[in-house]
Amino acid sequence: MSSIDNWAAQALQRMLEDGAGPGKLDAQRALGWCQFLYSLIVRNPQHLQLIKEKLKTLDPAAVIEGIRDDYPKIRGPGDPESFDEYKAAFALNPASVPASRVLPALLKSKRVMAVLASFTWRTATLNTAKYPLLTSDRPVIMSNGLIRPDAHIVLPIAPRRLFIATNDDETFGAISSTPADELAETVNNQVTQQAYKYVYGVDDSQLRFVANRLGKRVWSNPLG
């Protein structure tokens, strides 16, 4: 995951610069950010378990072929030197391969990347909000499915800044025109309720807020 995280970190740094919106990212950083957004949804124990179950229903050879190019990077100490040897061993016992090994292929899904890249990306700054933004182990706020006209993704990327991706300008306008206090509270409410275990803030001023909401609900995956 280091390559994805590296490009995403560069994209994030660019988005945090005043006047440098995410829509101006170059192709490599934009792709890295797309993959990172998707990874925030699937890179957790709960989704890895779902992937593990899904692997049992798929053609082993087709699944493992998706990591051919990434094999040298993800090969473990006890794995065969060549990908073809690894593939042959996997075909004999698909359940022996951790779901995390297929994450690189999953995060390169052309279908998901195409949807995320088709959105308009912007940021919003909430300097006047009473409380700073929170984040959590499940920080991505999104519509129930990303194909609908009002589809959107919202992600806190700093204590006072949001990343907002929308399928249309009207949805962005509705989000960005919300008063800062209300928008911050809405984001913090969502981020906290969908968290499994951890919520992060710059200080302890919202401890009661978090305690009353932590883990109330969990969102489905983005194309669900």
C-alpha atoms as a PDB file:
ATOM      1  CA  MET A   1       0.000   0.000   0.000  1.00  0.00           C
ATOM      2  CA  SER A   2       3.023   2.306   0.289  1.00  0.00           C
ATOM      3  CA  SER A   3       2.855   3.488  -3.328  1.00  0.00           C
ATOM      4  CA  ILE A   4      -0.827   4.456  -3.035  1.00  0.00           C
ATOM      5  CA  ASP A   5      -0.237   6.156   0.300  1.00  0.00           C
ATOM      6  CA  ASN A   6       2.741   8.061  -1.066  1.00  0.00           C
ATOM      7  CA  TRP A   7       0.856   9.529  -4.034  1.00  0.00           C
ATOM      8  CA  ALA A   8      -2.148  10.258  -1.816  1.00  0.00           C
ATOM      9  CA  ALA A   9       0.065  12.084   0.693  1.00  0.00           C
ATOM     10  CA  GLN A  10       1.369  14.291  -2.114  1.00  0.00           C
ATOM     11  CA  ALA A  11      -2.186  14.925  -3.298  1.00  0.00           C
ATOM     12  CA  LEU A  12      -3.250  15.813   0.242  1.00  0.00           C
ATOM     13  CA  GLN A  13      -0.378  18.254   0.655  1.00  0.00           C
ATOM     14  CA  ARG A  14      -1.456  19.957  -2.546  1.00  0.00           C
ATOM     15  CA  MET A  15      -5.085  20.187  -1.394  1.00  0.00           C
ATOM     16  CA  LEU A  16      -4.069  21.799   1.882  1.00  0.00           C
ATOM     17  CA  GLU A  17      -2.400  24.687   0.062  1.00  0.00           C
ATOM     18  CA  ASP A  18      -4.643  27.724  -0.114  1.00  0.00           C
ATOM     19  CA  GLY A  19      -5.915  28.280  -3.628  1.00  0.00           C
ATOM     20  CA  ALA A  20      -4.739  24.863  -4.879  1.00  0.00           C
ATOM     21  CA  GLY A  21      -7.900  22.839  -5.329  1.00  0.00           C
ATOM     22  CA  PRO A  22      -7.931  19.051  -5.842  1.00  0.00           C
ATOM     23  CA  GLY A  23      -9.282  19.533  -9.345  1.00  0.00           C
ATOM     24  CA  LYS A  24      -5.803  20.725 -10.364  1.00  0.00           C
ATOM     25  CA  LEU A  25      -4.006  17.525  -9.371  1.00  0.00           C
ATOM     26  CA  ASP A  26      -1.868  15.865 -12.028  1.00  0.00           C
ATOM     27  CA  ALA A  27      -2.939  12.438 -13.309  1.00  0.00           C
ATOM     28  CA  GLN A  28      -0.686  10.326 -11.064  1.00  0.00           C
ATOM     29  CA  ARG A  29      -1.620  12.112  -7.853  1.00  0.00           C
ATOM     30  CA  ALA A  30      -5.294  12.117  -8.814  1.00  0.00           C
ATOM     31  CA  LEU A  31      -5.185   8.349  -9.383  1.00  0.00           C
ATOM     32  CA  GLY A  32      -3.366   7.868  -6.092  1.00  0.00           C
ATOM     33  CA  TRP A  33      -6.051   9.898  -4.331  1.00  0.00           C
ATOM     34  CA  CYS A  34      -8.826   7.834  -5.967  1.00  0.00           C
ATOM     35  CA  GLN A  35      -7.193   4.614  -4.844  1.00  0.00           C
ATOM     36  CA  PHE A  36      -6.599   6.016  -1.364  1.00  0.00           C
ATOM     37  CA  LEU A  37     -10.239   7.041  -0.988  1.00  0.00           C
ATOM     38  CA  TYR A  38     -11.351   3.564  -1.948  1.00  0.00           C
ATOM     39  CA  SER A  39      -8.767   2.023   0.370  1.00  0.00           C
ATOM     40  CA  LEU A  40     -10.188   3.956   3.325  1.00  0.00           C
ATOM     41  CA  ILE A  41     -13.428   2.052   2.749  1.00  0.00           C
ATOM     42  CA  VAL A  42     -12.043  -1.443   2.182  1.00  0.00           C
ATOM     43  CA  ARG A  43      -8.761  -1.410   4.134  1.00  0.00           C
ATOM     44  CA  ASN A  44     -10.157  -2.548   7.470  1.00  0.00           C
ATOM     45  CA  PRO A  45     -10.679  -5.905   9.233  1.00  0.00           C
ATOM     46  CA  GLN A  46     -14.422  -6.033   8.541  1.00  0.00           C
ATOM     47  CA  HIS A  47     -14.103  -5.555   4.782  1.00  0.00           C
ATOM     48  CA  LEU A  48     -11.090  -7.864   4.587  1.00  0.00           C
ATOM     49  CA  GLN A  49     -13.268 -10.576   6.106  1.00  0.00           C
ATOM     50  CA  LEU A  50     -15.917  -9.889   3.451  1.00  0.00           C
ATOM     51  CA  ILE A  51     -13.238 -10.127   0.763  1.00  0.00           C
ATOM     52  CA  LYS A  52     -12.052 -13.432   2.224  1.00  0.00           C
ATOM     53  CA  GLU A  53     -15.581 -14.824   2.025  1.00  0.00           C
ATOM     54  CA  LYS A  54     -15.995 -13.515  -1.513  1.00  0.00           C
ATOM     55  CA  LEU A  55     -12.778 -15.202  -2.648  1.00  0.00           C
ATOM     56  CA  LYS A  56     -14.357 -18.562  -1.904  1.00  0.00           C
ATOM     57  CA  THR A  57     -16.999 -17.966  -4.583  1.00  0.00           C
ATOM     58  CA  LEU A  58     -14.674 -16.760  -7.366  1.00  0.00           C
ATOM     59  CA  ASP A  59     -12.377 -18.459  -9.850  1.00  0.00           C
ATOM     60  CA  PRO A  60      -9.011 -18.629  -7.980  1.00  0.00           C
ATOM     61  CA  ALA A  61      -6.894 -18.168 -11.114  1.00  0.00           C
ATOM     62  CA  ALA A  62      -8.799 -15.039 -12.185  1.00  0.00           C
ATOM     63  CA  VAL A  63      -8.549 -13.495  -8.725  1.00  0.00           C
ATOM     64  CA  ILE A  64      -4.854 -14.074  -8.216  1.00  0.00           C
ATOM     65  CA  GLU A  65      -3.945 -12.896 -11.729  1.00  0.00           C
ATOM     66  CA  GLY A  66      -4.922  -9.385 -10.640  1.00  0.00           C
ATOM     67  CA  ILE A  67      -1.841  -9.089  -8.416  1.00  0.00           C
ATOM     68  CA  ARG A  68       0.731 -10.319 -10.972  1.00  0.00           C
ATOM     69  CA  ASP A  69       2.326  -6.888 -11.468  1.00  0.00           C
ATOM     70  CA  ASP A  70       2.387  -6.173  -7.736  1.00  0.00           C
ATOM     71  CA  TYR A  71       3.705  -9.569  -6.638  1.00  0.00           C
ATOM     72  CA  PRO A  72       7.365  -8.521  -6.251  1.00  0.00           C
ATOM     73  CA  LYS A  73       6.251  -5.773  -3.854  1.00  0.00           C
ATOM     74  CA  ILE A  74       3.884  -7.874  -1.726  1.00  0.00           C
ATOM     75  CA  ARG A  75       5.754 -11.210  -1.749  1.00  0.00           C
ATOM     76  CA  GLY A  76       6.253 -12.461   1.798  1.00  0.00           C
ATOM     77  CA  PRO A  77       9.386 -14.173   3.191  1.00  0.00           C
ATOM     78  CA  GLY A  78       7.875 -17.636   2.766  1.00  0.00           C
ATOM     79  CA  ASP A  79       6.342 -17.071  -0.679  1.00  0.00           C
ATOM     80  CA  PRO A  80       7.716 -18.532  -3.928  1.00  0.00           C
ATOM     81  CA  GLU A  81      10.100 -16.326  -5.864  1.00  0.00           C
ATOM     82  CA  SER A  82       8.045 -16.274  -9.044  1.00  0.00           C
ATOM     83  CA  PHE A  83       4.432 -15.214  -9.420  1.00  0.00           C
ATOM     84  CA  ASP A  84       3.586 -18.309 -11.495  1.00  0.00           C
ATOM     85  CA  GLU A  85       4.714 -20.593  -8.658  1.00  0.00           C
ATOM     86  CA  TYR A  86       2.646 -18.543  -6.231  1.00  0.00           C
ATOM     87  CA  LYS A  87      -0.385 -18.735  -8.532  1.00  0.00           C
ATOM     88  CA  ALA A  88      -0.065 -22.510  -8.802  1.00  0.00           C
ATOM     89  CA  ALA A  89       0.075 -22.859  -5.018  1.00  0.00           C
ATOM     90  CA  PHE A  90      -2.873 -20.526  -4.612  1.00  0.00           C
ATOM     91  CA  ALA A  91      -4.986 -22.555  -7.058  1.00  0.00           C
ATOM     92  CA  LEU A  92      -4.433 -25.626  -4.892  1.00  0.00           C
ATOM     93  CA  ASN A  93      -5.534 -23.875  -1.710  1.00  0.00           C
ATOM     94  CA  PRO A  94      -7.244 -20.467  -2.298  1.00  0.00           C
ATOM     95  CA  ALA A  95      -8.271 -20.118   1.349  1.00  0.00           C
ATOM     96  CA  SER A  96      -4.602 -19.992   2.387  1.00  0.00           C
ATOM     97  CA  VAL A  97      -4.045 -16.577   0.809  1.00  0.00           C
ATOM     98  CA  PRO A  98      -4.843 -13.584   3.056  1.00  0.00           C
ATOM     99  CA  ALA A  99      -7.466 -11.216   1.686  1.00  0.00           C
ATOM    100  CA  SER A 100      -4.971  -8.386   2.125  1.00  0.00           C
ATOM    101  CA  ARG A 101      -2.934  -9.857  -0.743  1.00  0.00           C
ATOM    102  CA  VAL A 102      -5.669  -9.057  -3.255  1.00  0.00           C
ATOM    103  CA  LEU A 103      -6.119  -5.480  -2.056  1.00  0.00           C
ATOM    104  CA  PRO A 104      -3.758  -4.005  -4.704  1.00  0.00           C
ATOM    105  CA  ALA A 105      -5.868  -5.531  -7.471  1.00  0.00           C
ATOM    106  CA  LEU A 106      -9.091  -4.454  -5.788  1.00  0.00           C
ATOM    107  CA  LEU A 107      -7.894  -0.875  -5.452  1.00  0.00           C
ATOM    108  CA  LYS A 108      -7.131  -0.751  -9.177  1.00  0.00           C
ATOM    109  CA  SER A 109     -10.729  -1.546 -10.067  1.00  0.00           C
ATOM    110  CA  LYS A 110     -11.373   0.339 -13.309  1.00  0.00           C
ATOM    111  CA  ARG A 111     -15.064   0.570 -12.475  1.00  0.00           C
ATOM    112  CA  VAL A 112     -14.529   2.253  -9.120  1.00  0.00           C
ATOM    113  CA  MET A 113     -11.677   4.479 -10.346  1.00  0.00           C
ATOM    114  CA  ALA A 114     -13.783   5.658 -13.289  1.00  0.00           C
ATOM    115  CA  VAL A 115     -16.656   6.640 -11.007  1.00  0.00           C
ATOM    116  CA  LEU A 116     -14.437   8.507  -8.539  1.00  0.00           C
ATOM    117  CA  ALA A 117     -12.510  10.263 -11.299  1.00  0.00           C
ATOM    118  CA  SER A 118     -15.735  11.412 -12.972  1.00  0.00           C
ATOM    119  CA  PHE A 119     -16.734  13.474  -9.923  1.00  0.00           C
ATOM    120  CA  THR A 120     -15.861  17.126  -9.473  1.00  0.00           C
ATOM    121  CA  TRP A 121     -13.373  17.524  -6.615  1.00  0.00           C
ATOM    122  CA  ARG A 122     -13.252  20.572  -4.360  1.00  0.00           C
ATOM    123  CA  THR A 123     -12.348  21.529  -0.798  1.00  0.00           C
ATOM    124  CA  ALA A 124     -14.229  23.618   1.746  1.00  0.00           C
ATOM    125  CA  THR A 125     -12.663  25.491   4.655  1.00  0.00           C
ATOM    126  CA  LEU A 126     -14.552  25.755   7.951  1.00  0.00           C
ATOM    127  CA  ASN A 127     -12.506  28.313   9.850  1.00  0.00           C
ATOM    128  CA  THR A 128     -15.549  29.854  11.546  1.00  0.00           C
ATOM    129  CA  ALA A 129     -17.054  26.615  12.902  1.00  0.00           C
ATOM    130  CA  LYS A 130     -17.237  26.417  16.694  1.00  0.00           C
ATOM    131  CA  TYR A 131     -15.649  22.974  16.795  1.00  0.00           C
ATOM    132  CA  PRO A 132     -12.925  21.501  14.554  1.00  0.00           C
ATOM    133  CA  LEU A 133     -13.568  18.468  12.411  1.00  0.00           C
ATOM    134  CA  LEU A 134     -13.148  14.962  13.740  1.00  0.00           C
ATOM    135  CA  THR A 135     -11.935  11.916  11.865  1.00  0.00           C
ATOM    136  CA  SER A 136     -12.110   8.209  12.634  1.00  0.00           C
ATOM    137  CA  ASP A 137     -11.256   4.681  11.542  1.00  0.00           C
ATOM    138  CA  ARG A 138     -14.142   4.998   9.044  1.00  0.00           C
ATOM    139  CA  PRO A 139     -13.852   8.650   7.932  1.00  0.00           C
ATOM    140  CA  VAL A 140     -15.435   8.556   4.449  1.00  0.00           C
ATOM    141  CA  ILE A 141     -18.944  10.028   4.272  1.00  0.00           C
ATOM    142  CA  MET A 142     -20.772   9.079   1.102  1.00  0.00           C
ATOM    143  CA  SER A 143     -24.145   8.643  -0.490  1.00  0.00           C
ATOM    144  CA  ASN A 144     -25.698   5.184  -0.606  1.00  0.00           C
ATOM    145  CA  GLY A 145     -24.116   4.284  -3.927  1.00  0.00           C
ATOM    146  CA  LEU A 146     -22.154   6.559  -6.241  1.00  0.00           C
ATOM    147  CA  ILE A 147     -24.129   6.242  -9.462  1.00  0.00           C
ATOM    148  CA  ARG A 148     -27.068   8.439  -8.466  1.00  0.00           C
ATOM    149  CA  PRO A 149     -27.198  12.098  -9.631  1.00  0.00           C
ATOM    150  CA  ASP A 150     -26.695  13.489  -6.120  1.00  0.00           C
ATOM    151  CA  ALA A 151     -23.857  11.077  -5.311  1.00  0.00           C
ATOM    152  CA  HIS A 152     -21.096  12.519  -3.160  1.00  0.00           C
ATOM    153  CA  ILE A 153     -18.081  11.761  -0.999  1.00  0.00           C
ATOM    154  CA  VAL A 154     -17.007  13.964   1.892  1.00  0.00           C
ATOM    155  CA  LEU A 155     -13.809  13.441   3.883  1.00  0.00           C
ATOM    156  CA  PRO A 156     -12.224  15.546   6.645  1.00  0.00           C
ATOM    157  CA  ILE A 157      -8.620  16.144   5.571  1.00  0.00           C
ATOM    158  CA  ALA A 158      -7.646  18.645   8.268  1.00  0.00           C
ATOM    159  CA  PRO A 159      -9.271  20.064  11.419  1.00  0.00           C
ATOM    160  CA  ARG A 160     -10.796  22.883   9.349  1.00  0.00           C
ATOM    161  CA  ARG A 161     -10.905  21.523   5.822  1.00  0.00           C
ATOM    162  CA  LEU A 162     -13.110  19.071   3.925  1.00  0.00           C
ATOM    163  CA  PHE A 163     -12.550  17.222   0.701  1.00  0.00           C
ATOM    164  CA  ILE A 164     -15.830  17.145  -1.263  1.00  0.00           C
ATOM    165  CA  ALA A 165     -16.432  15.124  -4.430  1.00  0.00           C
ATOM    166  CA  THR A 166     -19.834  15.394  -6.100  1.00  0.00           C
ATOM    167  CA  ASN A 167     -21.571  14.073  -9.171  1.00  0.00           C
ATOM    168  CA  ASP A 168     -23.194  17.450  -9.881  1.00  0.00           C
ATOM    169  CA  ASP A 169     -22.741  21.110  -8.981  1.00  0.00           C
ATOM    170  CA  GLU A 170     -26.109  21.306  -7.248  1.00  0.00           C
ATOM    171  CA  THR A 171     -25.059  18.770  -4.630  1.00  0.00           C
ATOM    172  CA  PHE A 172     -21.806  20.594  -3.994  1.00  0.00           C
ATOM    173  CA  GLY A 173     -23.722  23.851  -3.642  1.00  0.00           C
ATOM    174  CA  ALA A 174     -26.053  22.303  -1.085  1.00  0.00           C
ATOM    175  CA  ILE A 175     -23.119  21.012   0.965  1.00  0.00           C
ATOM    176  CA  SER A 176     -20.879  24.068   0.717  1.00  0.00           C
ATOM    177  CA  SER A 177     -23.676  26.563   1.440  1.00  0.00           C
ATOM    178  CA  THR A 178     -24.486  24.906   4.763  1.00  0.00           C
ATOM    179  CA  PRO A 179     -23.468  27.182   7.669  1.00  0.00           C
ATOM    180  CA  ALA A 180     -20.036  26.243   9.014  1.00  0.00           C
ATOM    181  CA  ASP A 181     -21.256  25.219  12.482  1.00  0.00           C
ATOM    182  CA  GLU A 182     -23.999  23.030  11.028  1.00  0.00           C
ATOM    183  CA  LEU A 183     -21.737  21.449   8.426  1.00  0.00           C
ATOM    184  CA  ALA A 184     -19.015  20.675  10.977  1.00  0.00           C
ATOM    185  CA  GLU A 185     -21.559  19.127  13.344  1.00  0.00           C
ATOM    186  CA  THR A 186     -23.071  17.045  10.540  1.00  0.00           C
ATOM    187  CA  VAL A 187     -19.665  15.760   9.426  1.00  0.00           C
ATOM    188  CA  ASN A 188     -18.572  15.021  12.992  1.00  0.00           C
ATOM    189  CA  ASN A 189     -21.834  13.235  13.673  1.00  0.00           C
ATOM    190  CA  GLN A 190     -21.460  11.000  10.602  1.00  0.00           C
ATOM    191  CA  VAL A 191     -17.753  10.297  11.110  1.00  0.00           C
ATOM    192  CA  THR A 192     -18.354   9.338  14.732  1.00  0.00           C
ATOM    193  CA  GLN A 193     -21.459   7.227  14.211  1.00  0.00           C
ATOM    194  CA  GLN A 194     -19.902   5.120  11.471  1.00  0.00           C
ATOM    195  CA  ALA A 195     -16.644   4.550  13.379  1.00  0.00           C
ATOM    196  CA  TYR A 196     -15.964   1.060  14.643  1.00  0.00           C
ATOM    197  CA  LYS A 197     -13.504   1.813  17.409  1.00  0.00           C
ATOM    198  CA  TYR A 198     -11.530   5.052  17.074  1.00  0.00           C
ATOM    199  CA  VAL A 199     -12.381   8.739  16.674  1.00  0.00           C
ATOM    200  CA  TYR A 200      -9.647  11.384  16.503  1.00  0.00           C
ATOM    201  CA  GLY A 201      -9.712  15.090  17.316  1.00  0.00           C
ATOM    202  CA  VAL A 202      -7.234  17.864  18.017  1.00  0.00           C
ATOM    203  CA  ASP A 203      -8.289  18.017  21.681  1.00  0.00           C
ATOM    204  CA  ASP A 204     -10.805  16.546  24.160  1.00  0.00           C
ATOM    205  CA  SER A 205     -13.455  19.250  23.742  1.00  0.00           C
ATOM    206  CA  GLN A 206     -15.829  16.827  21.970  1.00  0.00           C
ATOM    207  CA  LEU A 207     -15.431  13.760  24.186  1.00  0.00           C
ATOM    208  CA  ARG A 208     -19.081  13.737  25.281  1.00  0.00           C
ATOM    209  CA  PHE A 209     -20.224  14.263  21.698  1.00  0.00           C
ATOM    210  CA  VAL A 210     -18.164  11.230  20.628  1.00  0.00           C
ATOM    211  CA  ALA A 211     -19.213   9.051  23.547  1.00  0.00           C
ATOM    212  CA  ASN A 212     -22.883   9.563  22.719  1.00  0.00           C
ATOM    213  CA  ARG A 213     -22.466   8.562  19.064  1.00  0.00           C
ATOM    214  CA  LEU A 214     -19.545   6.193  18.633  1.00  0.00           C
ATOM    215  CA  GLY A 215     -20.349   3.172  16.490  1.00  0.00           C
ATOM    216  CA  LYS A 216     -24.073   3.776  16.009  1.00  0.00           C
ATOM    217  CA  ARG A 217     -24.103   2.641  12.369  1.00  0.00           C
ATOM    218  CA  VAL A 218     -21.876   1.401   9.594  1.00  0.00           C
ATOM    219  CA  TRP A 219     -22.098   2.429   5.942  1.00  0.00           C
ATOM    220  CA  SER A 220     -22.065   0.008   3.017  1.00  0.00           C
ATOM    221  CA  ASN A 221     -19.466   0.019   0.302  1.00  0.00           C
ATOM    222  CA  PRO A 222     -19.461   2.780  -2.317  1.00  0.00           C
ATOM    223  CA  LEU A 223     -21.091   1.051  -5.254  1.00  0.00           C
ATOM    224  CA  GLY A 224     -23.544  -0.804  -3.028  1.00  0.00           C
END
